Amino acid sequence: MTSVDKRVVVAMSGGVDSSVAAALLVEQGYEVIGMMMRLWSDEAMGGADHNRCCTPEQMADAERIANHLGIPFYVLDTKDVFRATVVEYFINGHRQGITPNPCMECNRHIRFDYLLNNALALDADYLATGHYARIHQAESGKFVLKSGIDDNKDQSYVLSVMGQEQLSQTLFPVGEYPKHEVRALAAKFGLRVESKKDSQDLCFLGKNDYRDFLEVHAPEIMQPGPIVFRDGTQIGEHHGLANYTIGQRKGLGLSYKDPLYVIAMNPYRNALIVGTRDQLGKDELVATRFNWVSDEAPVGESFAAQVKIRYKAKAQPANVTVRSESEIHVRFDELQRDITPGQGAVVYDGEICLGGGIIQSADVAN
């Protein structure tokens, strides 16, 4: 069956990447439908500002591009499911004293579950997005998730939540291009979005800082508490655990003979744990809720790999031990400064993303 016989729903945002993804698919002969999600915005903090991913201007741009390409365009109301699965996850994570990654949850529950199912309900063969990653099918028939061609834009980290079913029904048309070529393609197709800036920060915050957001929606976690050393000795007072992150040095308001860094948090005592630079680094972590892209967990095996602990971090060499279908232990070859509970630990074999899980909390004794 040729691409002419295939129907694709493209998740459109009015931005460069999704617009070029739609244009490429039209050029390749697919039957393309544009769909934009209307996501939850925070009425308590000025809902008129709208979710950053679906402002009226972005919706107008997406519809204009769809008209330019001659494809249907629909808006999918995703407010309630987004609020329940992504926003609540973000708030509850901070309640637990961790730094959650809501973008991974959005891909897990919104794009490649809710949106994908709505695409399939339109008898689509695929959902396409503007992510910078690649999907290849191995000789075994298994689908493989690879990093994007452009290292600076690679998004395989936040796509590590995908499995075989999702990969078999998904297309990433811009994953084979570097960003500058994607902008050039936007100009070639006459989309008039080639100079648009990439979206930044968390989409549901509007124009607000995440601290202001938490002050409104979870004021109890923004209460002051003790700043302590590992042994429990108090050295100061913090202004709410959510104001800090692992590895932070500035803004602690402490006077000490050596520079101090945030090394852990104890939400049970509302305590911020600090230490010197040599106490900051760790060479191991445990990640749970681990998703294997292959859908097959090599339980009991240990192997060398590369592991990313933040979206923009460089993958570091490590040994991975698979404790169960959903839990791994990672021991890095070198100390890592910023192992942060709540963030993703994503495992790679070169350019192949094997899967990812959530870094667990530690150091809660004091």
Foldseek 3Di string as FASTA:
>chain_A
DAQLPAEEEEAAQLALLSLLVQVVSVVRNHQYAYEYEQEAADVVVPCLLGFQRHHVVRVVLRVVSCVLSVHHYYYHYCHPVCCVFQVVVCLVCVLQLFHADSLLSCLQPPVQNVVQVVCVVVVGQAYEYRAQWAWDQDPVRFIFIFFAPALQRTDVQSVLSAARVSSSRYGHVCNPDHLLVSLVSCVVSVSPNSPPDDDDDGRRQRPDDVVVVCCVVPVVQQPKAFEAELVRHGFGIDRGSVVFAFQDQPPPPGDDPAGKTFQAAASVRSYTYIDHQVSQWDFKFKFFQKDFRHNDFPAQDKDWWFKDQARSDDTFIWIWHHHDNTMIMTGGPDTDRHNTFNTKIWTHHVRTTGHIGTTHHDSNPD
